[in-house]
Amino acid sequence: MTEATDNIVIVLVEPQSPGNIGMACRAMKNMGLTRLRLVNGCDRFHPESLKFAVSAKDLLEQAELYTDLASALADCTMSVGTTRRHGKYRQEILSPSETAVKIKEFASPESRAAIVFGREDSGLTTEELSLCRWHATIPTAQDYGSLNLSQAILLFCYELDKATQSPGGGRIDPQATSGEMESMFDQMDVCLQKIGFLNRQNPEHIMLSLRRMLYRANMDNREVSIIRGMMTQIDWACSAFDGRKTL
């Protein structure tokens, strides 16, 4: 295990098969990763999970449990949500090797990166993916693109291990954590609805695009503070606002 891999966490959102949790632990340990976070899901100590973990049972015991994805990512400065589906809010999708390069590029002793895997049958929701800074997928044959969860984890862990073994990389400025970004987005949502920029009936239509834009910027703490200060000033300045501007 290296200092770089020690700051990488694998997050499983509502895993349905105990065996997959065990095999995920084995795949992680094979590639030097030890930090597992579970968001709800099945029993990690089910006999099937213990059976398939083999010598990685310690990862099961040390796994951190969360009730929602937002809290599981709150202390992470970089997060990658995995998906098989492309769409309007699922753009700029990285491959496993590109994901590893991104994580290495922004790695530092003070930062933590997470790769998030969804449910075996339906993956991550659009809302859950919106919590992730980047999206990633494993290119597969068009006729049959479905991979077992543990297989997908092994491929990403292999690329991470390969990338972190090579020299170079590292971010100088501290990148904002997911929790800091989410607080900023919450403030933006309220402020932009107040000035009539967002449709109160469907604010997420624009907010999802703003999230993608600002996540691509890889903001640091100071930049987040600037945006939040701007929102505070807008909120104060529009105290007498009486409706959306019409042409």
Protein backbone atom coordinates (compact mmCIF):
# COMPACT_ATOMS: atom_id res chain seq x y z
CA MET A 1 0.00 0.00 0.00
CA THR A 2 1.32 3.44 -0.91
CA GLU A 3 0.47 6.86 0.50
CA ALA A 4 -1.44 7.55 -2.71
CA THR A 5 -3.65 4.45 -2.55
CA ASP A 6 -4.22 4.97 1.18
CA ASN A 7 -6.21 8.10 0.27
CA ILE A 8 -8.43 6.33 -2.28
CA VAL A 9 -11.77 4.91 -1.15
CA ILE A 10 -14.13 2.57 -2.94
CA VAL A 11 -17.81 3.33 -2.29
CA LEU A 12 -20.57 0.79 -2.93
CA VAL A 13 -24.11 2.18 -3.02
CA GLU A 14 -26.73 -0.32 -1.86
CA PRO A 15 -24.93 -3.51 -2.96
CA GLN A 16 -27.46 -6.30 -3.36
CA SER A 17 -25.23 -9.39 -3.35
CA PRO A 18 -23.17 -10.26 -0.26
CA GLY A 19 -20.82 -12.23 -2.51
CA ASN A 20 -20.06 -9.11 -4.51
CA ILE A 21 -19.05 -7.23 -1.37
CA GLY A 22 -16.64 -10.03 -0.48
CA MET A 23 -15.19 -10.17 -4.00
CA ALA A 24 -14.88 -6.37 -4.04
CA CYS A 25 -12.75 -6.56 -0.88
CA ARG A 26 -10.55 -9.21 -2.46
CA ALA A 27 -10.12 -7.14 -5.64
CA MET A 28 -9.23 -4.06 -3.62
CA LYS A 29 -6.66 -5.88 -1.49
CA ASN A 30 -5.10 -7.44 -4.60
CA MET A 31 -4.33 -3.93 -5.84
CA GLY A 32 -3.31 -2.36 -2.54
CA LEU A 33 -6.52 -0.49 -1.69
CA THR A 34 -7.96 -0.89 1.79
CA ARG A 35 -10.65 1.75 2.31
CA LEU A 36 -14.21 0.56 1.65
CA ARG A 37 -17.37 2.56 2.28
CA LEU A 38 -20.84 1.03 2.10
CA VAL A 39 -24.03 3.03 1.62
CA ASN A 40 -26.83 0.85 2.97
CA GLY A 41 -27.23 -2.45 1.10
CA CYS A 42 -27.04 -6.06 2.22
CA ASP A 43 -25.26 -7.57 5.23
CA ARG A 44 -21.49 -7.31 4.84
CA PHE A 45 -20.99 -10.20 7.27
CA HIS A 46 -23.27 -12.59 5.39
CA PRO A 47 -21.62 -16.04 4.93
CA GLU A 48 -21.34 -15.43 1.18
CA SER A 49 -19.50 -12.17 1.74
CA LEU A 50 -17.04 -13.78 4.13
CA LYS A 51 -16.58 -16.72 1.77
CA PHE A 52 -15.64 -14.61 -1.26
CA ALA A 53 -13.51 -12.12 0.66
CA VAL A 54 -11.00 -14.94 1.36
CA SER A 55 -8.00 -13.18 2.97
CA ALA A 56 -9.54 -9.72 2.67
CA LYS A 57 -11.98 -10.15 5.57
CA ASP A 58 -10.17 -7.34 7.38
CA LEU A 59 -11.51 -4.91 4.77
CA LEU A 60 -15.04 -6.07 5.59
CA GLU A 61 -14.46 -5.46 9.27
CA GLN A 62 -12.95 -2.01 8.67
CA ALA A 63 -15.58 -0.89 6.14
CA GLU A 64 -17.27 2.41 6.97
CA LEU A 65 -21.08 2.49 6.86
CA TYR A 66 -23.21 5.42 5.65
CA THR A 67 -26.91 6.06 5.19
CA ASP A 68 -26.54 8.21 2.05
CA LEU A 69 -23.98 8.93 -0.66
CA ALA A 70 -23.62 12.62 0.18
CA SER A 71 -22.27 11.86 3.65
CA ALA A 72 -20.01 9.10 2.28
CA LEU A 73 -18.38 11.65 -0.04
CA ALA A 74 -18.40 14.66 2.29
CA ASP A 75 -14.66 14.54 3.09
CA CYS A 76 -13.54 13.61 -0.44
CA THR A 77 -11.91 16.23 -2.66
CA MET A 78 -12.45 14.16 -5.79
CA SER A 79 -15.18 11.65 -6.59
CA VAL A 80 -15.87 9.55 -9.68
CA GLY A 81 -19.27 7.95 -10.25
CA THR A 82 -19.37 4.90 -12.50
CA THR A 83 -22.15 4.40 -15.04
CA ARG A 84 -22.98 2.34 -18.13
CA ARG A 85 -25.49 4.84 -19.49
CA HIS A 86 -24.81 8.01 -21.41
CA GLY A 87 -27.25 10.91 -21.50
CA LYS A 88 -27.85 14.61 -21.07
CA TYR A 89 -26.37 14.72 -17.56
CA ARG A 90 -23.90 11.88 -18.09
CA GLN A 91 -21.26 13.54 -20.26
CA GLU A 92 -17.45 13.61 -20.35
CA ILE A 93 -17.30 9.99 -19.26
CA LEU A 94 -13.78 8.74 -18.45
CA SER A 95 -12.29 5.29 -18.95
CA PRO A 96 -10.66 3.47 -16.00
CA SER A 97 -7.18 4.53 -17.14
CA GLU A 98 -8.28 8.16 -17.57
CA THR A 99 -9.86 8.02 -14.12
CA ALA A 100 -6.58 6.84 -12.62
CA VAL A 101 -4.71 9.70 -14.32
CA LYS A 102 -7.22 12.24 -12.97
CA ILE A 103 -6.90 10.90 -9.44
CA LYS A 104 -3.11 10.91 -9.65
CA GLU A 105 -3.11 14.45 -11.04
CA PHE A 106 -5.04 15.83 -8.08
CA ALA A 107 -3.64 13.53 -5.41
CA SER A 108 -2.00 14.95 -2.31
CA PRO A 109 -1.52 13.81 1.30
CA GLU A 110 -4.38 16.11 2.33
CA SER A 111 -6.86 14.96 -0.32
CA ARG A 112 -9.09 11.92 -0.58
CA ALA A 113 -10.52 10.43 -3.78
CA ALA A 114 -13.50 8.12 -4.12
CA ILE A 115 -14.74 5.86 -6.89
CA VAL A 116 -18.44 5.15 -6.54
CA PHE A 117 -20.20 2.00 -7.79
CA GLY A 118 -23.98 1.62 -7.90
CA ARG A 119 -26.50 -1.17 -7.54
CA GLU A 120 -25.92 -4.35 -9.53
CA ASP A 121 -29.26 -4.09 -11.34
CA SER A 122 -29.71 -0.34 -11.86
CA GLY A 123 -26.41 1.42 -11.06
CA LEU A 124 -26.36 4.98 -9.74
CA THR A 125 -29.25 7.39 -10.15
CA THR A 126 -28.83 10.73 -11.93
CA GLU A 127 -29.08 12.46 -8.55
CA GLU A 128 -26.31 10.27 -7.11
CA LEU A 129 -24.11 10.87 -10.14
CA SER A 130 -24.63 14.61 -9.70
CA LEU A 131 -22.80 14.31 -6.36
CA CYS A 132 -19.69 13.07 -8.17
CA ARG A 133 -17.09 15.38 -9.70
CA TRP A 134 -16.44 13.08 -12.67
CA HIS A 135 -18.17 10.14 -14.36
CA ALA A 136 -16.53 6.98 -15.68
CA THR A 137 -17.37 3.80 -17.53
CA ILE A 138 -15.68 0.64 -18.78
CA PRO A 139 -15.90 0.36 -22.59
CA THR A 140 -17.35 -3.06 -23.44
CA ALA A 141 -18.77 -4.94 -26.43
CA GLN A 142 -22.00 -3.43 -27.72
CA ASP A 143 -23.80 -6.78 -27.74
CA TYR A 144 -23.24 -7.42 -24.04
CA GLY A 145 -21.94 -4.58 -21.89
CA SER A 146 -22.87 -5.82 -18.42
CA LEU A 147 -20.00 -6.52 -16.02
CA ASN A 148 -20.12 -8.11 -12.59
CA LEU A 149 -19.66 -5.47 -9.88
CA SER A 150 -16.44 -7.03 -8.55
CA GLN A 151 -15.02 -7.27 -12.10
CA ALA A 152 -15.62 -3.56 -12.61
CA ILE A 153 -14.00 -2.74 -9.27
CA LEU A 154 -10.96 -4.89 -10.11
CA LEU A 155 -10.42 -3.06 -13.42
CA PHE A 156 -10.53 0.37 -11.78
CA CYS A 157 -8.31 -0.77 -8.89
CA TYR A 158 -5.76 -2.19 -11.33
CA GLU A 159 -5.54 1.10 -13.24
CA LEU A 160 -5.26 3.03 -9.96
CA ASP A 161 -2.46 0.81 -8.71
CA LYS A 162 -0.61 1.11 -12.02
CA ALA A 163 -0.92 4.90 -12.08
CA THR A 164 0.09 5.48 -8.47
CA GLN A 165 3.21 3.34 -8.87
CA SER A 166 4.63 5.77 -11.46
CA PRO A 167 6.27 9.04 -10.37
CA GLY A 168 4.81 12.50 -10.79
CA GLY A 169 1.44 14.08 -10.16
CA GLY A 170 0.09 15.86 -7.13
CA ARG A 171 -1.94 19.00 -6.64
CA ILE A 172 -0.46 22.08 -4.96
CA ASP A 173 -3.62 23.94 -3.92
CA PRO A 174 -6.10 22.13 -1.62
CA GLN A 175 -9.10 21.04 -3.65
CA ALA A 176 -12.55 21.64 -2.20
CA THR A 177 -14.18 18.61 -0.61
CA SER A 178 -17.49 17.20 -1.78
CA GLY A 179 -19.11 18.51 1.40
CA GLU A 180 -17.88 22.04 0.67
CA MET A 181 -19.07 21.83 -2.92
CA GLU A 182 -22.50 20.57 -1.87
CA SER A 183 -22.89 23.43 0.63
CA MET A 184 -22.06 25.86 -2.17
CA PHE A 185 -24.60 24.24 -4.51
CA ASP A 186 -27.29 24.39 -1.82
CA GLN A 187 -26.63 28.10 -1.36
CA MET A 188 -26.65 28.68 -5.14
CA ASP A 189 -29.95 26.84 -5.51
CA VAL A 190 -31.68 29.02 -2.90
CA CYS A 191 -30.15 32.26 -4.18
CA LEU A 192 -30.81 31.61 -7.88
CA GLN A 193 -34.41 30.67 -7.17
CA LYS A 194 -34.82 33.87 -5.18
CA ILE A 195 -33.72 36.07 -8.09
CA GLY A 196 -35.86 34.11 -10.56
CA PHE A 197 -32.99 32.54 -12.48
CA LEU A 198 -34.14 29.01 -11.65
CA ASN A 199 -37.62 27.73 -12.32
CA ARG A 200 -39.08 26.96 -8.88
CA GLN A 201 -41.05 24.07 -10.40
CA ASN A 202 -37.90 22.41 -11.80
CA PRO A 203 -34.72 24.02 -10.41
CA GLU A 204 -32.64 20.89 -11.06
CA HIS A 205 -32.91 21.38 -14.84
CA ILE A 206 -30.32 24.18 -14.70
CA MET A 207 -28.64 23.21 -11.43
CA LEU A 208 -27.45 19.89 -12.88
CA SER A 209 -25.69 21.77 -15.68
CA LEU A 210 -24.18 24.25 -13.23
CA ARG A 211 -22.93 21.36 -11.10
CA ARG A 212 -21.19 19.79 -14.08
CA MET A 213 -19.62 23.12 -15.09
CA LEU A 214 -18.26 23.86 -11.62
CA TYR A 215 -17.11 20.31 -10.97
CA ARG A 216 -15.10 20.47 -14.22
CA ALA A 217 -13.36 23.56 -12.82
CA ASN A 218 -11.81 21.45 -10.02
CA MET A 219 -12.28 24.30 -7.56
CA ASP A 220 -10.13 24.81 -4.48
CA ASN A 221 -11.29 26.14 -1.11
CA ARG A 222 -10.62 29.77 -1.98
CA GLU A 223 -12.61 29.56 -5.23
CA VAL A 224 -15.56 28.01 -3.41
CA SER A 225 -15.41 30.86 -0.88
CA ILE A 226 -15.48 33.40 -3.74
CA ILE A 227 -18.61 31.83 -5.25
CA ARG A 228 -20.32 31.64 -1.86
CA GLY A 229 -19.43 35.25 -1.12
CA MET A 230 -20.89 36.27 -4.48
CA MET A 231 -24.10 34.39 -3.71
CA THR A 232 -24.31 36.10 -0.31
CA GLN A 233 -23.94 39.51 -1.92
CA ILE A 234 -26.54 38.71 -4.59
CA ASP A 235 -28.93 37.51 -1.89
CA TRP A 236 -28.47 40.78 0.04
CA ALA A 237 -28.70 42.98 -3.08
CA CYS A 238 -31.95 41.41 -4.30
CA SER A 239 -33.86 41.92 -1.06
CA ALA A 240 -36.28 44.23 -2.94
CA PHE A 241 -36.57 41.94 -5.97
CA ASP A 242 -40.19 41.68 -7.17
CA GLY A 243 -40.09 39.04 -9.87
CA ARG A 244 -38.21 37.56 -12.85
CA LYS A 245 -37.21 39.99 -15.58
CA THR A 246 -39.35 39.67 -18.71
CA LEU A 247 -38.46 40.79 -22.21
